[in-house]
């Protein structure tokens, strides 16, 4: 499992830059990575694609809906 926050940190990618490429509001993404909000499922496929499937759909689901 690879969390998006870990992926961005590992690759040295800024949240604002990634959010722009993913088509997600940077404030929303920042809040999601801090655990305050959820990334809407409509963005998950694009995020997975941008990370070359390092962050999988299942990982995004588990982050959005923790047990």
PDB file of N, CA and C in Angstrom:
ATOM      1  N   UNK A   1       0.845  -1.181   0.000  1.00  0.00           N
ATOM      2  CA  UNK A   1       0.000   0.000   0.000  1.00  0.00           C
ATOM      3  C   UNK A   1       0.888   1.241   0.000  1.00  0.00           C
ATOM      4  N   UNK A   2       0.538   2.197  -0.826  1.00  0.00           N
ATOM      5  CA  UNK A   2       1.281   3.461  -0.887  1.00  0.00           C
ATOM      6  C   UNK A   2       0.292   4.593  -0.704  1.00  0.00           C
ATOM      7  N   UNK A   3       0.472   5.351   0.348  1.00  0.00           N
ATOM      8  CA  UNK A   3      -0.372   6.519   0.590  1.00  0.00           C
ATOM      9  C   UNK A   3       0.086   7.649  -0.325  1.00  0.00           C
ATOM     10  N   UNK A   4      -0.854   8.434  -0.783  1.00  0.00           N
ATOM     11  CA  UNK A   4      -0.552   9.537  -1.689  1.00  0.00           C
ATOM     12  C   UNK A   4       0.414  10.520  -1.035  1.00  0.00           C
ATOM     13  N   UNK A   5       0.216  10.799   0.229  1.00  0.00           N
ATOM     14  CA  UNK A   5       1.090  11.722   0.949  1.00  0.00           C
ATOM     15  C   UNK A   5       2.541  11.222   0.936  1.00  0.00           C
ATOM     16  N   UNK A   6       2.737   9.934   1.162  1.00  0.00           N
ATOM     17  CA  UNK A   6       4.084   9.344   1.136  1.00  0.00           C
ATOM     18  C   UNK A   6       4.678   9.406  -0.269  1.00  0.00           C
ATOM     19  N   UNK A   7       3.849   9.123  -1.270  1.00  0.00           N
ATOM     20  CA  UNK A   7       4.315   9.170  -2.655  1.00  0.00           C
ATOM     21  C   UNK A   7       4.819  10.564  -3.006  1.00  0.00           C
ATOM     22  N   UNK A   8       4.033  11.583  -2.695  1.00  0.00           N
ATOM     23  CA  UNK A   8       4.425  12.954  -3.024  1.00  0.00           C
ATOM     24  C   UNK A   8       5.706  13.348  -2.297  1.00  0.00           C
ATOM     25  N   UNK A   9       5.810  12.956  -1.037  1.00  0.00           N
ATOM     26  CA  UNK A   9       7.020  13.264  -0.264  1.00  0.00           C
ATOM     27  C   UNK A   9       8.235  12.543  -0.853  1.00  0.00           C
ATOM     28  N   UNK A  10       8.059  11.259  -1.168  1.00  0.00           N
ATOM     29  CA  UNK A  10       9.148  10.444  -1.708  1.00  0.00           C
ATOM     30  C   UNK A  10       9.659  11.008  -3.042  1.00  0.00           C
ATOM     31  N   UNK A  11       8.760  11.494  -3.866  1.00  0.00           N
ATOM     32  CA  UNK A  11       9.124  12.014  -5.182  1.00  0.00           C
ATOM     33  C   UNK A  11       9.466  13.503  -5.161  1.00  0.00           C
ATOM     34  N   UNK A  12       9.253  14.160  -4.023  1.00  0.00           N
ATOM     35  CA  UNK A  12       9.540  15.589  -3.917  1.00  0.00           C
ATOM     36  C   UNK A  12       8.583  16.453  -4.714  1.00  0.00           C
ATOM     37  N   UNK A  13       7.338  16.012  -4.824  1.00  0.00           N
ATOM     38  CA  UNK A  13       6.325  16.727  -5.595  1.00  0.00           C
ATOM     39  C   UNK A  13       5.514  17.609  -4.650  1.00  0.00           C
ATOM     40  N   UNK A  14       5.362  18.855  -5.007  1.00  0.00           N
ATOM     41  CA  UNK A  14       4.572  19.791  -4.209  1.00  0.00           C
ATOM     42  C   UNK A  14       3.082  19.499  -4.386  1.00  0.00           C
ATOM     43  N   UNK A  15       2.327  19.683  -3.312  1.00  0.00           N
ATOM     44  CA  UNK A  15       0.888  19.421  -3.338  1.00  0.00           C
ATOM     45  C   UNK A  15       0.201  20.270  -4.398  1.00  0.00           C
ATOM     46  N   UNK A  16       0.537  21.544  -4.455  1.00  0.00           N
ATOM     47  CA  UNK A  16      -0.113  22.450  -5.411  1.00  0.00           C
ATOM     48  C   UNK A  16       0.135  22.006  -6.852  1.00  0.00           C
ATOM     49  N   UNK A  17       1.356  21.599  -7.147  1.00  0.00           N
ATOM     50  CA  UNK A  17       1.705  21.147  -8.490  1.00  0.00           C
ATOM     51  C   UNK A  17       0.949  19.872  -8.858  1.00  0.00           C
ATOM     52  N   UNK A  18       0.917  18.918  -7.940  1.00  0.00           N
ATOM     53  CA  UNK A  18       0.221  17.662  -8.204  1.00  0.00           C
ATOM     54  C   UNK A  18      -1.279  17.894  -8.339  1.00  0.00           C
ATOM     55  N   UNK A  19      -1.827  18.740  -7.484  1.00  0.00           N
ATOM     56  CA  UNK A  19      -3.260  19.030  -7.534  1.00  0.00           C
ATOM     57  C   UNK A  19      -3.650  19.610  -8.890  1.00  0.00           C
ATOM     58  N   UNK A  20      -2.823  20.508  -9.394  1.00  0.00           N
ATOM     59  CA  UNK A  20      -3.112  21.122 -10.689  1.00  0.00           C
ATOM     60  C   UNK A  20      -3.122  20.056 -11.788  1.00  0.00           C
ATOM     61  N   UNK A  21      -2.145  19.163 -11.782  1.00  0.00           N
ATOM     62  CA  UNK A  21      -2.079  18.103 -12.803  1.00  0.00           C
ATOM     63  C   UNK A  21      -3.229  17.113 -12.664  1.00  0.00           C
ATOM     64  N   UNK A  22      -3.680  16.896 -11.419  1.00  0.00           N
ATOM     65  CA  UNK A  22      -4.743  15.927 -11.175  1.00  0.00           C
ATOM     66  C   UNK A  22      -6.133  16.540 -11.351  1.00  0.00           C
ATOM     67  N   UNK A  23      -6.200  17.855 -11.488  1.00  0.00           N
ATOM     68  CA  UNK A  23      -7.498  18.508 -11.632  1.00  0.00           C
ATOM     69  C   UNK A  23      -8.261  18.589 -10.324  1.00  0.00           C
ATOM     70  N   UNK A  24      -7.510  18.635  -9.219  1.00  0.00           N
ATOM     71  CA  UNK A  24      -8.105  18.706  -7.885  1.00  0.00           C
ATOM     72  C   UNK A  24      -7.742  20.058  -7.292  1.00  0.00           C
ATOM     73  N   UNK A  25      -8.667  20.664  -6.563  1.00  0.00           N
ATOM     74  CA  UNK A  25      -8.384  21.906  -5.871  1.00  0.00           C
ATOM     75  C   UNK A  25      -7.246  21.656  -4.876  1.00  0.00           C
ATOM     76  N   UNK A  26      -6.243  22.521  -4.864  1.00  0.00           N
ATOM     77  CA  UNK A  26      -5.078  22.302  -4.004  1.00  0.00           C
ATOM     78  C   UNK A  26      -5.439  22.347  -2.522  1.00  0.00           C
ATOM     79  N   UNK A  27      -6.416  23.167  -2.137  1.00  0.00           N
ATOM     80  CA  UNK A  27      -6.848  23.194  -0.737  1.00  0.00           C
ATOM     81  C   UNK A  27      -7.518  21.885  -0.346  1.00  0.00           C
ATOM     82  N   UNK A  28      -8.317  21.342  -1.247  1.00  0.00           N
ATOM     83  CA  UNK A  28      -8.967  20.066  -0.991  1.00  0.00           C
ATOM     84  C   UNK A  28      -7.923  18.969  -0.823  1.00  0.00           C
ATOM     85  N   UNK A  29      -6.940  18.936  -1.722  1.00  0.00           N
ATOM     86  CA  UNK A  29      -5.908  17.909  -1.657  1.00  0.00           C
ATOM     87  C   UNK A  29      -5.086  18.049  -0.374  1.00  0.00           C
ATOM     88  N   UNK A  30      -4.744  19.251  -0.025  1.00  0.00           N
ATOM     89  CA  UNK A  30      -3.995  19.495   1.203  1.00  0.00           C
ATOM     90  C   UNK A  30      -4.782  19.021   2.423  1.00  0.00           C
ATOM     91  N   UNK A  31      -6.062  19.353   2.467  1.00  0.00           N
ATOM     92  CA  UNK A  31      -6.912  18.912   3.571  1.00  0.00           C
ATOM     93  C   UNK A  31      -7.055  17.392   3.599  1.00  0.00           C
ATOM     94  N   UNK A  32      -7.171  16.779   2.425  1.00  0.00           N
ATOM     95  CA  UNK A  32      -7.296  15.322   2.351  1.00  0.00           C
ATOM     96  C   UNK A  32      -6.032  14.637   2.868  1.00  0.00           C
ATOM     97  N   UNK A  33      -4.885  15.170   2.504  1.00  0.00           N
ATOM     98  CA  UNK A  33      -3.630  14.572   2.951  1.00  0.00           C
ATOM     99  C   UNK A  33      -3.430  14.759   4.456  1.00  0.00           C
ATOM    100  N   UNK A  34      -4.065  15.774   5.015  1.00  0.00           N
ATOM    101  CA  UNK A  34      -3.994  16.013   6.465  1.00  0.00           C
ATOM    102  C   UNK A  34      -5.093  15.251   7.208  1.00  0.00           C
ATOM    103  N   UNK A  35      -5.977  14.570   6.458  1.00  0.00           N
ATOM    104  CA  UNK A  35      -7.028  13.785   7.079  1.00  0.00           C
ATOM    105  C   UNK A  35      -8.282  14.554   7.436  1.00  0.00           C
ATOM    106  N   UNK A  36      -8.403  15.775   6.947  1.00  0.00           N
ATOM    107  CA  UNK A  36      -9.578  16.594   7.266  1.00  0.00           C
ATOM    108  C   UNK A  36     -10.714  16.442   6.260  1.00  0.00           C
ATOM    109  N   UNK A  37     -10.414  16.010   5.053  1.00  0.00           N
ATOM    110  CA  UNK A  37     -11.421  15.841   3.998  1.00  0.00           C
ATOM    111  C   UNK A  37     -11.097  14.593   3.205  1.00  0.00           C
ATOM    112  N   UNK A  38     -11.993  14.260   2.288  1.00  0.00           N
ATOM    113  CA  UNK A  38     -11.778  13.102   1.413  1.00  0.00           C
ATOM    114  C   UNK A  38     -11.594  13.575  -0.021  1.00  0.00           C
ATOM    115  N   UNK A  39     -10.747  12.878  -0.753  1.00  0.00           N
ATOM    116  CA  UNK A  39     -10.615  13.141  -2.186  1.00  0.00           C
ATOM    117  C   UNK A  39     -11.819  12.481  -2.853  1.00  0.00           C
ATOM    118  N   UNK A  40     -12.605  13.239  -3.609  1.00  0.00           N
ATOM    119  CA  UNK A  40     -13.764  12.645  -4.273  1.00  0.00           C
ATOM    120  C   UNK A  40     -13.355  11.508  -5.213  1.00  0.00           C
ATOM    121  N   UNK A  41     -14.112  10.423  -5.209  1.00  0.00           N
ATOM    122  CA  UNK A  41     -13.786   9.265  -6.053  1.00  0.00           C
ATOM    123  C   UNK A  41     -13.620   9.588  -7.535  1.00  0.00           C
ATOM    124  N   UNK A  42     -14.252  10.658  -8.019  1.00  0.00           N
ATOM    125  CA  UNK A  42     -14.135  10.983  -9.444  1.00  0.00           C
ATOM    126  C   UNK A  42     -12.691  11.331  -9.828  1.00  0.00           C
ATOM    127  N   UNK A  43     -11.834  11.629  -8.871  1.00  0.00           N
ATOM    128  CA  UNK A  43     -10.438  11.976  -9.143  1.00  0.00           C
ATOM    129  C   UNK A  43      -9.468  10.793  -8.984  1.00  0.00           C
ATOM    130  N   UNK A  44      -9.929   9.693  -8.436  1.00  0.00           N
ATOM    131  CA  UNK A  44      -9.038   8.593  -8.093  1.00  0.00           C
ATOM    132  C   UNK A  44      -8.303   7.998  -9.295  1.00  0.00           C
ATOM    133  N   UNK A  45      -8.997   7.765 -10.387  1.00  0.00           N
ATOM    134  CA  UNK A  45      -8.349   7.150 -11.558  1.00  0.00           C
ATOM    135  C   UNK A  45      -7.228   8.037 -12.096  1.00  0.00           C
ATOM    136  N   UNK A  46      -7.477   9.316 -12.162  1.00  0.00           N
ATOM    137  CA  UNK A  46      -6.451  10.230 -12.659  1.00  0.00           C
ATOM    138  C   UNK A  46      -5.243  10.258 -11.720  1.00  0.00           C
ATOM    139  N   UNK A  47      -5.478  10.245 -10.416  1.00  0.00           N
ATOM    140  CA  UNK A  47      -4.374  10.218  -9.455  1.00  0.00           C
ATOM    141  C   UNK A  47      -3.576   8.935  -9.608  1.00  0.00           C
ATOM    142  N   UNK A  48      -4.250   7.821  -9.722  1.00  0.00           N
ATOM    143  CA  UNK A  48      -3.555   6.539  -9.917  1.00  0.00           C
ATOM    144  C   UNK A  48      -2.722   6.573 -11.196  1.00  0.00           C
ATOM    145  N   UNK A  49      -3.279   7.133 -12.254  1.00  0.00           N
ATOM    146  CA  UNK A  49      -2.558   7.226 -13.526  1.00  0.00           C
ATOM    147  C   UNK A  49      -1.330   8.138 -13.399  1.00  0.00           C
ATOM    148  N   UNK A  50      -1.488   9.276 -12.732  1.00  0.00           N
ATOM    149  CA  UNK A  50      -0.376  10.215 -12.571  1.00  0.00           C
ATOM    150  C   UNK A  50       0.758   9.640 -11.724  1.00  0.00           C
ATOM    151  N   UNK A  51       0.432   8.710 -10.845  1.00  0.00           N
ATOM    152  CA  UNK A  51       1.465   8.086 -10.011  1.00  0.00           C
ATOM    153  C   UNK A  51       1.965   6.777 -10.618  1.00  0.00           C
ATOM    154  N   UNK A  52       1.607   6.533 -11.862  1.00  0.00           N
ATOM    155  CA  UNK A  52       1.980   5.286 -12.557  1.00  0.00           C
ATOM    156  C   UNK A  52       1.558   4.057 -11.759  1.00  0.00           C
ATOM    157  N   UNK A  53       0.374   4.132 -11.185  1.00  0.00           N
ATOM    158  CA  UNK A  53      -0.238   3.055 -10.407  1.00  0.00           C
ATOM    159  C   UNK A  53       0.527   2.721  -9.129  1.00  0.00           C
ATOM    160  N   UNK A  54       1.460   3.583  -8.730  1.00  0.00           N
ATOM    161  CA  UNK A  54       2.135   3.378  -7.440  1.00  0.00           C
ATOM    162  C   UNK A  54       1.121   3.562  -6.324  1.00  0.00           C
ATOM    163  N   UNK A  55       0.291   4.579  -6.448  1.00  0.00           N
ATOM    164  CA  UNK A  55      -0.862   4.763  -5.558  1.00  0.00           C
ATOM    165  C   UNK A  55      -2.045   4.172  -6.306  1.00  0.00           C
ATOM    166  N   UNK A  56      -2.565   3.080  -5.796  1.00  0.00           N
ATOM    167  CA  UNK A  56      -3.641   2.356  -6.473  1.00  0.00           C
ATOM    168  C   UNK A  56      -5.012   2.863  -6.025  1.00  0.00           C
ATOM    169  N   UNK A  57      -6.035   2.495  -6.789  1.00  0.00           N
ATOM    170  CA  UNK A  57      -7.400   2.872  -6.432  1.00  0.00           C
ATOM    171  C   UNK A  57      -7.753   2.365  -5.033  1.00  0.00           C
ATOM    172  N   UNK A  58      -7.298   1.152  -4.712  1.00  0.00           N
ATOM    173  CA  UNK A  58      -7.584   0.578  -3.392  1.00  0.00           C
ATOM    174  C   UNK A  58      -6.965   1.423  -2.278  1.00  0.00           C
ATOM    175  N   UNK A  59      -5.772   1.964  -2.545  1.00  0.00           N
ATOM    176  CA  UNK A  59      -5.108   2.808  -1.554  1.00  0.00           C
ATOM    177  C   UNK A  59      -5.909   4.081  -1.308  1.00  0.00           C
ATOM    178  N   UNK A  60      -6.403   4.669  -2.375  1.00  0.00           N
ATOM    179  CA  UNK A  60      -7.203   5.898  -2.252  1.00  0.00           C
ATOM    180  C   UNK A  60      -8.516   5.599  -1.545  1.00  0.00           C
ATOM    181  N   UNK A  61      -9.099   4.439  -1.832  1.00  0.00           N
ATOM    182  CA  UNK A  61     -10.337   4.054  -1.154  1.00  0.00           C
ATOM    183  C   UNK A  61     -10.080   3.898   0.344  1.00  0.00           C
ATOM    184  N   UNK A  62      -8.996   3.212   0.697  1.00  0.00           N
ATOM    185  CA  UNK A  62      -8.680   2.986   2.112  1.00  0.00           C
ATOM    186  C   UNK A  62      -8.382   4.294   2.849  1.00  0.00           C
ATOM    187  N   UNK A  63      -7.805   5.252   2.147  1.00  0.00           N
ATOM    188  CA  UNK A  63      -7.555   6.561   2.767  1.00  0.00           C
ATOM    189  C   UNK A  63      -8.865   7.316   2.979  1.00  0.00           C
ATOM    190  N   UNK A  64      -9.760   7.220   2.020  1.00  0.00           N
ATOM    191  CA  UNK A  64     -11.019   7.962   2.090  1.00  0.00           C
ATOM    192  C   UNK A  64     -12.002   7.329   3.078  1.00  0.00           C
ATOM    193  N   UNK A  65     -11.945   6.007   3.185  1.00  0.00           N
ATOM    194  CA  UNK A  65     -12.890   5.296   4.039  1.00  0.00           C
ATOM    195  C   UNK A  65     -12.150   4.334   4.958  1.00  0.00           C
ATOM    196  N   UNK A  66     -11.399   4.863   5.910  1.00  0.00           N
ATOM    197  CA  UNK A  66     -10.648   3.992   6.817  1.00  0.00           C
ATOM    198  C   UNK A  66     -11.589   3.149   7.671  1.00  0.00           C
ATOM    199  N   UNK A  67     -11.107   2.004   8.057  1.00  0.00           N
ATOM    200  CA  UNK A  67     -11.941   1.108   8.880  1.00  0.00           C
ATOM    201  C   UNK A  67     -11.999   1.552  10.312  1.00  0.00           C
TER     202      UNK A  67
END
